[in-house]
């Protein structure tokens, strides 16, 4: 049997793409090396645009039945003490829930849509025809034929590497340590990002009395973690004033995140989600990018399959759409990171934004994909920054 589409990776990007393609009548197979449900190192936040994507996918009711926490905004706390709060408005909000719950729901949704799912199988290579076009995958020691392969296998994507699209070797600019914690103070529906020197701690309730805590360690300090991620994480909690909080599971470490790609399409294959290039997400952009990228990929893949042309040229509409959709957000994220990684600069900005709530809300709306990044260029907002 030749599958129309083989999706490698059963996370949000892979499951969403598979559900859309299977719903369109295409023979779709998902392969993932893990068995579900499984934990995943992630901040576990979904911004308002991601919530809207779940609604379009037809799975939001299932996700809400799982009891996620509601996110109405974010408080950014500088190392020097000043902070500001940015809130979503207009009737929108984000949510947060454990990835093991979210991913299992999305994978079941893809299965219900008609996709077949094989877990516990590792993809190791991409066979090609005489013209160099990908013709399927090598998984579990066998060749599985497919007209188009979608690489949705995350930061360390084997599909990305086999396609030769990695621009350079990843750099360890940051390391992230993630765990669930019980006993934190009520954050009143808002997540927190706390800067501690060049280190950053993100906190968000995920339902069931638990909070996700993610400690982001700059690369030059990664050696301090060594083989003691749990101890390092617990010390970071105490430094934030949460000595009474209780960590309820092991700390998961992930990184490096700096994995630039030369492109996301090739003859017979394309990349979605983190496999298509990663930048440091802010307030839940990672899952939104996975879901929105899946929508864009499914549209292009469906058109290519109908036309009988799976060349890189036929898949280029996805590449162009992906850059239009995510390019502005990536550029804004670099600006945000420049402030977060410089304590004095962040303190200065926090004091100004605390006095100008409208400006803080505008920034959170842009980083949360509620409004386009260009909305920050309104003269009224620029005047508030300058004055």
Protein backbone atom coordinates (compact mmCIF):
# COMPACT_ATOMS: atom_id res chain seq x y z
CA UNK A 1 0.00 0.00 0.00
CA UNK A 2 1.15 3.53 -0.78
CA UNK A 3 -0.08 6.16 1.66
CA UNK A 4 -1.03 9.57 0.33
CA UNK A 5 0.67 11.18 3.32
CA UNK A 6 2.95 9.84 6.03
CA UNK A 7 3.18 12.14 9.05
CA UNK A 8 6.23 11.59 11.25
CA UNK A 9 5.41 12.83 14.74
CA UNK A 10 2.16 12.70 16.69
CA UNK A 11 2.39 16.02 18.54
CA UNK A 12 0.10 19.01 17.87
CA UNK A 13 1.53 19.79 14.42
CA UNK A 14 1.49 16.20 13.18
CA UNK A 15 -1.88 15.23 14.63
CA UNK A 16 -3.57 18.41 13.38
CA UNK A 17 -2.15 18.02 9.85
CA UNK A 18 -3.14 14.34 9.77
CA UNK A 19 -6.68 15.07 10.97
CA UNK A 20 -7.19 17.71 8.27
CA UNK A 21 -5.79 15.50 5.51
CA UNK A 22 -7.70 12.38 6.60
CA UNK A 23 -10.89 14.41 6.79
CA UNK A 24 -10.23 15.43 3.19
CA UNK A 25 -10.23 11.79 2.15
CA UNK A 26 -6.46 11.24 1.87
CA UNK A 27 -4.96 7.98 3.14
CA UNK A 28 -2.94 9.24 6.08
CA UNK A 29 -0.55 7.47 8.43
CA UNK A 30 0.98 8.89 11.63
CA UNK A 31 4.18 7.35 13.00
CA UNK A 32 5.65 8.32 16.37
CA UNK A 33 8.52 6.76 18.28
CA UNK A 34 6.74 7.24 21.62
CA UNK A 35 3.69 5.58 23.13
CA UNK A 36 0.88 7.93 24.15
CA UNK A 37 0.10 9.49 26.55
CA UNK A 38 3.59 10.73 27.27
CA UNK A 39 5.12 13.75 29.00
CA UNK A 40 6.76 16.39 26.87
CA UNK A 41 9.05 19.24 27.97
CA UNK A 42 6.97 22.30 27.13
CA UNK A 43 5.57 25.43 28.81
CA UNK A 44 2.11 23.93 27.98
CA UNK A 45 0.44 27.28 27.23
CA UNK A 46 -1.86 27.87 24.26
CA UNK A 47 -2.42 31.51 23.32
CA UNK A 48 -5.79 32.86 22.12
CA UNK A 49 -4.90 32.27 18.48
CA UNK A 50 -4.09 28.66 19.35
CA UNK A 51 -7.48 28.31 21.06
CA UNK A 52 -9.12 29.57 17.87
CA UNK A 53 -7.12 27.01 15.86
CA UNK A 54 -8.37 24.21 18.12
CA UNK A 55 -11.90 25.42 17.50
CA UNK A 56 -11.39 25.39 13.71
CA UNK A 57 -9.96 21.88 13.99
CA UNK A 58 -13.14 20.78 15.77
CA UNK A 59 -11.41 19.56 18.91
CA UNK A 60 -11.78 22.48 21.33
CA UNK A 61 -14.71 20.93 23.20
CA UNK A 62 -12.64 17.81 23.94
CA UNK A 63 -9.77 19.96 25.18
CA UNK A 64 -12.03 22.04 27.41
CA UNK A 65 -13.58 18.87 28.86
CA UNK A 66 -10.07 17.99 30.11
CA UNK A 67 -10.21 20.96 32.51
CA UNK A 68 -7.44 23.30 31.33
CA UNK A 69 -6.62 26.47 33.25
CA UNK A 70 -7.66 29.76 31.72
CA UNK A 71 -5.01 32.35 30.83
CA UNK A 72 -6.25 35.94 30.73
CA UNK A 73 -2.83 37.53 30.38
CA UNK A 74 0.76 37.59 31.58
CA UNK A 75 2.65 39.41 34.31
CA UNK A 76 6.29 40.12 33.49
CA UNK A 77 8.48 40.61 36.58
CA UNK A 78 11.95 42.11 36.21
CA UNK A 79 14.91 41.11 38.37
CA UNK A 80 14.99 44.60 39.86
CA UNK A 81 11.41 44.32 41.08
CA UNK A 82 9.23 46.38 38.68
CA UNK A 83 6.60 44.42 36.80
CA UNK A 84 3.75 44.96 34.39
CA UNK A 85 0.59 43.08 33.52
CA UNK A 86 -0.69 42.62 29.99
CA UNK A 87 -4.21 41.26 29.56
CA UNK A 88 -6.08 39.77 26.63
CA UNK A 89 -9.35 41.51 25.85
CA UNK A 90 -12.17 41.37 23.35
CA UNK A 91 -13.57 38.15 24.77
CA UNK A 92 -10.49 36.02 24.01
CA UNK A 93 -8.20 34.13 26.36
CA UNK A 94 -5.54 31.45 26.37
CA UNK A 95 -5.52 28.08 28.11
CA UNK A 96 -2.92 25.75 29.58
CA UNK A 97 -2.96 22.00 30.21
CA UNK A 98 -0.39 19.18 30.39
CA UNK A 99 1.02 18.16 27.03
CA UNK A 100 0.42 14.50 27.75
CA UNK A 101 -3.29 15.32 27.92
CA UNK A 102 -3.38 17.68 24.92
CA UNK A 103 -1.32 15.44 22.65
CA UNK A 104 -3.41 12.36 23.45
CA UNK A 105 -6.61 14.28 22.64
CA UNK A 106 -5.22 15.54 19.32
CA UNK A 107 -3.93 12.11 18.35
CA UNK A 108 -7.31 10.52 19.10
CA UNK A 109 -8.96 13.27 17.05
CA UNK A 110 -6.74 12.43 14.07
CA UNK A 111 -7.59 8.75 14.48
CA UNK A 112 -11.29 9.55 14.60
CA UNK A 113 -10.91 11.60 11.40
CA UNK A 114 -9.62 8.51 9.61
CA UNK A 115 -5.84 8.62 10.06
CA UNK A 116 -4.09 5.41 11.03
CA UNK A 117 -1.66 5.67 13.94
CA UNK A 118 1.43 3.61 14.69
CA UNK A 119 3.31 4.42 17.90
CA UNK A 120 6.48 3.02 19.40
CA UNK A 121 8.12 2.96 15.94
CA UNK A 122 11.23 4.98 15.09
CA UNK A 123 11.72 6.50 11.64
CA UNK A 124 15.38 6.28 10.65
CA UNK A 125 15.64 7.31 6.99
CA UNK A 126 13.92 8.57 3.84
CA UNK A 127 14.11 6.39 0.72
CA UNK A 128 14.19 8.28 -2.58
CA UNK A 129 13.43 7.51 -6.20
CA UNK A 130 15.89 7.89 -9.06
CA UNK A 131 15.13 11.64 -9.27
CA UNK A 132 15.88 12.20 -5.59
CA UNK A 133 12.25 12.59 -4.56
CA UNK A 134 11.23 11.23 -1.15
CA UNK A 135 9.03 8.17 -1.63
CA UNK A 136 8.23 7.24 1.96
CA UNK A 137 10.06 6.40 5.19
CA UNK A 138 12.17 3.64 6.71
CA UNK A 139 10.52 2.84 10.04
CA UNK A 140 11.01 -0.15 12.29
CA UNK A 141 13.35 -1.66 9.72
CA UNK A 142 10.83 -1.60 6.85
CA UNK A 143 10.11 0.75 4.00
CA UNK A 144 6.68 2.37 4.06
CA UNK A 145 5.67 4.02 0.80
CA UNK A 146 4.08 7.46 0.74
CA UNK A 147 3.47 10.18 -1.81
CA UNK A 148 4.32 13.00 0.62
CA UNK A 149 6.14 12.83 3.96
CA UNK A 150 5.38 15.47 6.59
CA UNK A 151 8.12 15.91 9.18
CA UNK A 152 6.47 16.91 12.46
CA UNK A 153 9.03 15.28 14.72
CA UNK A 154 10.12 18.25 16.79
CA UNK A 155 13.36 19.97 17.71
CA UNK A 156 15.64 17.06 16.87
CA UNK A 157 13.77 16.15 13.70
CA UNK A 158 15.24 13.19 11.83
CA UNK A 159 13.24 14.29 8.77
CA UNK A 160 14.86 17.73 8.82
CA UNK A 161 18.31 16.20 8.94
CA UNK A 162 17.65 13.56 6.28
CA UNK A 163 16.34 16.28 3.97
CA UNK A 164 19.55 18.28 4.48
CA UNK A 165 17.60 21.44 5.35
CA UNK A 166 19.34 22.25 8.65
CA UNK A 167 21.19 25.52 8.01
CA UNK A 168 23.91 24.81 10.59
CA UNK A 169 24.53 22.78 13.71
CA UNK A 170 22.27 23.82 16.64
CA UNK A 171 23.79 26.16 19.20
CA UNK A 172 23.15 25.77 22.91
CA UNK A 173 21.97 29.32 23.54
CA UNK A 174 19.44 28.14 26.13
CA UNK A 175 18.43 25.09 28.14
CA UNK A 176 14.92 24.65 29.54
CA UNK A 177 13.97 22.67 32.65
CA UNK A 178 10.26 21.88 33.09
CA UNK A 179 8.16 20.23 35.79
CA UNK A 180 4.73 20.42 37.43
CA UNK A 181 4.43 22.04 40.83
CA UNK A 182 1.69 22.12 43.47
CA UNK A 183 1.18 24.76 46.15
CA UNK A 184 1.98 27.98 44.29
CA UNK A 185 0.03 31.16 45.13
CA UNK A 186 -3.12 31.86 43.12
CA UNK A 187 -2.07 33.78 40.02
CA UNK A 188 -5.62 34.99 39.31
CA UNK A 189 -5.79 33.57 35.81
CA UNK A 190 -2.53 35.08 34.56
CA UNK A 191 0.79 33.47 33.80
CA UNK A 192 4.04 34.93 35.07
CA UNK A 193 7.47 35.37 33.59
CA UNK A 194 10.12 36.18 36.19
CA UNK A 195 13.56 37.32 35.13
CA UNK A 196 16.38 36.30 37.44
CA UNK A 197 19.54 37.76 35.99
CA UNK A 198 19.80 36.25 32.52
CA UNK A 199 17.77 33.27 33.69
CA UNK A 200 14.01 33.30 33.28
CA UNK A 201 11.26 31.39 35.08
CA UNK A 202 7.83 30.96 33.44
CA UNK A 203 4.84 29.90 35.52
CA UNK A 204 1.33 28.99 34.39
CA UNK A 205 -1.48 27.05 36.01
CA UNK A 206 -2.47 23.97 34.00
CA UNK A 207 -5.55 22.79 35.91
CA UNK A 208 -6.06 20.27 38.69
CA UNK A 209 -4.24 22.44 41.21
CA UNK A 210 -0.98 22.15 39.28
CA UNK A 211 1.24 24.72 37.62
CA UNK A 212 3.81 24.30 34.90
CA UNK A 213 7.14 25.86 35.85
CA UNK A 214 9.81 26.25 33.18
CA UNK A 215 13.29 27.47 34.09
CA UNK A 216 15.18 28.82 31.06
CA UNK A 217 18.95 28.73 31.60
CA UNK A 218 21.31 30.69 29.31
CA UNK A 219 23.76 28.50 27.44
CA UNK A 220 26.84 29.81 29.24
CA UNK A 221 25.30 28.66 32.55
CA UNK A 222 24.15 25.24 31.33
CA UNK A 223 27.20 23.57 32.90
CA UNK A 224 25.80 24.54 36.31
CA UNK A 225 22.88 22.17 35.71
CA UNK A 226 25.17 19.24 34.98
CA UNK A 227 23.47 15.98 35.90
CA UNK A 228 21.43 17.61 38.66
CA UNK A 229 18.44 19.10 36.86
CA UNK A 230 16.06 18.39 39.76
CA UNK A 231 18.26 20.16 42.31
CA UNK A 232 18.87 23.13 40.01
CA UNK A 233 15.13 23.47 39.32
CA UNK A 234 14.23 23.28 43.02
CA UNK A 235 16.82 25.95 43.85
CA UNK A 236 15.33 28.24 41.17
CA UNK A 237 11.88 27.80 42.76
CA UNK A 238 13.26 28.83 46.16
CA UNK A 239 14.95 31.88 44.66
CA UNK A 240 11.55 32.96 43.29
CA UNK A 241 10.10 32.83 46.80
CA UNK A 242 8.28 29.50 46.38
CA UNK A 243 10.06 27.48 49.07
CA UNK A 244 6.80 25.81 50.15
CA UNK A 245 5.86 24.64 46.64
CA UNK A 246 6.02 20.91 45.94
CA UNK A 247 7.35 19.49 42.68
CA UNK A 248 5.21 16.48 41.74
CA UNK A 249 7.22 14.91 38.90
CA UNK A 250 10.73 14.65 37.53
CA UNK A 251 12.30 17.61 35.77
CA UNK A 252 12.46 17.31 31.98
CA UNK A 253 15.31 19.09 30.19
CA UNK A 254 15.33 20.20 26.58
CA UNK A 255 17.58 22.21 24.28
CA UNK A 256 19.28 23.51 22.26
CA UNK A 257 16.54 25.60 20.66
CA UNK A 258 18.60 27.45 18.07
CA UNK A 259 17.91 25.20 15.06
CA UNK A 260 17.67 27.36 11.90
CA UNK A 261 16.47 25.78 8.65
CA UNK A 262 17.20 26.69 5.04
CA UNK A 263 13.62 25.96 4.08
CA UNK A 264 10.68 23.73 4.96
CA UNK A 265 9.96 21.96 1.65
CA UNK A 266 11.73 19.40 -0.55
CA UNK A 267 10.72 17.05 -3.33
CA UNK A 268 8.10 14.82 -1.72
CA UNK A 269 8.36 16.24 1.80
CA UNK A 270 7.75 19.24 4.03
CA UNK A 271 8.26 20.23 7.67
CA UNK A 272 5.80 21.58 10.23
CA UNK A 273 5.98 22.68 13.87
CA UNK A 274 9.34 22.80 15.62
CA UNK A 275 10.88 20.66 12.86
CA UNK A 276 10.41 23.62 10.50
CA UNK A 277 12.64 25.85 12.60
CA UNK A 278 12.37 26.95 16.19
CA UNK A 279 12.57 30.23 18.04
CA UNK A 280 11.96 30.95 21.70
CA UNK A 281 8.18 31.18 22.11
CA UNK A 282 6.50 33.72 24.36
CA UNK A 283 3.05 33.24 25.94
CA UNK A 284 2.17 30.08 24.07
CA UNK A 285 3.24 30.76 20.50
CA UNK A 286 4.85 27.34 20.04
CA UNK A 287 1.61 25.33 20.06
CA UNK A 288 -0.17 27.99 17.99
CA UNK A 289 2.57 27.83 15.36
CA UNK A 290 2.24 24.05 15.29
CA UNK A 291 -1.52 24.19 14.76
CA UNK A 292 -1.48 27.03 12.26
CA UNK A 293 1.43 25.48 10.38
CA UNK A 294 -0.57 22.25 10.14
CA UNK A 295 -3.45 24.13 8.55
CA UNK A 296 -1.17 25.74 5.99
CA UNK A 297 0.60 22.44 5.26
CA UNK A 298 -2.64 20.49 4.84
CA UNK A 299 -3.95 23.03 2.33
CA UNK A 300 -0.81 22.83 0.19
CA UNK A 301 -0.43 19.04 0.49
CA UNK A 302 -4.05 18.49 -0.52
CA UNK A 303 -3.59 20.67 -3.61
CA UNK A 304 -0.35 18.87 -4.54
CA UNK A 305 -1.93 15.45 -4.19
CA UNK A 306 -4.92 16.44 -6.31
CA UNK A 307 -2.58 17.80 -9.01
CA UNK A 308 -0.36 14.70 -8.88
CA UNK A 309 2.70 16.91 -8.36
CA UNK A 310 4.62 16.51 -5.09
CA UNK A 311 7.75 18.39 -6.14
CA UNK A 312 9.32 21.09 -3.99
CA UNK A 313 7.99 23.65 -6.46
CA UNK A 314 4.44 22.40 -5.92
CA UNK A 315 4.90 22.62 -2.15
CA UNK A 316 6.35 26.16 -2.20
CA UNK A 317 2.98 27.84 -1.48
CA UNK A 318 3.29 26.38 2.02
CA UNK A 319 6.79 27.83 2.41
CA UNK A 320 5.60 31.29 1.39
CA UNK A 321 2.49 31.12 3.58
CA UNK A 322 4.53 29.95 6.56
CA UNK A 323 6.94 32.87 6.27
CA UNK A 324 4.10 35.38 5.97
CA UNK A 325 2.31 33.89 8.96
CA UNK A 326 5.27 33.54 11.34
CA UNK A 327 7.97 35.96 10.16
CA UNK A 328 6.66 39.07 11.98
CA UNK A 329 6.21 37.13 15.22
CA UNK A 330 9.76 35.83 15.06
CA UNK A 331 11.13 39.33 14.61
CA UNK A 332 9.07 40.59 17.54
CA UNK A 333 10.31 37.70 19.66
CA UNK A 334 13.91 38.76 19.06
CA UNK A 335 13.01 42.22 20.39
CA UNK A 336 11.28 40.72 23.44
CA UNK A 337 14.26 38.47 24.13
CA UNK A 338 16.61 41.46 23.95
CA UNK A 339 14.71 43.00 26.87
CA UNK A 340 14.18 39.81 28.91
CA UNK A 341 17.88 38.88 28.74
CA UNK A 342 19.01 42.32 29.95
CA UNK A 343 17.81 42.92 33.54
CA UNK A 344 18.34 46.71 33.60
CA UNK A 345 16.61 47.18 30.26
CA UNK A 346 13.69 44.98 31.34
CA UNK A 347 13.36 46.89 34.61
CA UNK A 348 13.20 50.20 32.72
CA UNK A 349 10.58 48.82 30.33
CA UNK A 350 8.51 47.27 33.15
CA UNK A 351 8.28 50.60 35.00
CA UNK A 352 7.04 52.37 31.87
CA UNK A 353 4.59 49.65 30.93
CA UNK A 354 3.19 49.46 34.46
CA UNK A 355 2.24 53.14 34.13
CA UNK A 356 0.77 52.55 30.67
CA UNK A 357 -1.54 49.50 30.87
CA UNK A 358 -2.79 50.04 27.32
CA UNK A 359 0.74 49.58 25.99
CA UNK A 360 1.30 46.42 28.03
CA UNK A 361 -1.97 44.98 26.74
CA UNK A 362 -0.97 45.80 23.17
CA UNK A 363 2.32 43.94 23.52
CA UNK A 364 0.63 40.88 25.02
CA UNK A 365 -1.95 40.92 22.23
CA UNK A 366 0.79 40.96 19.59
CA UNK A 367 2.90 38.26 21.23
CA UNK A 368 -0.26 36.21 21.77
CA UNK A 369 -1.17 36.43 18.06
CA UNK A 370 -4.44 38.17 18.90
CA UNK A 371 -3.47 41.19 16.80
CA UNK A 372 -0.83 41.49 14.06
CA UNK A 373 2.62 42.71 15.03
CA UNK A 374 2.07 45.81 12.87
CA UNK A 375 -0.60 46.90 15.38
CA UNK A 376 2.30 47.99 17.63
CA UNK A 377 3.21 50.62 15.04
CA UNK A 378 0.12 52.72 15.70
CA UNK A 379 1.13 56.36 16.33
CA UNK A 380 -0.73 56.45 19.65
CA UNK A 381 1.30 53.50 21.00
CA UNK A 382 4.59 54.82 19.66
CA UNK A 383 3.88 58.13 21.42
CA UNK A 384 3.40 56.27 24.73
CA UNK A 385 6.77 54.55 24.32
CA UNK A 386 8.63 57.77 23.52
CA UNK A 387 6.99 60.12 26.01
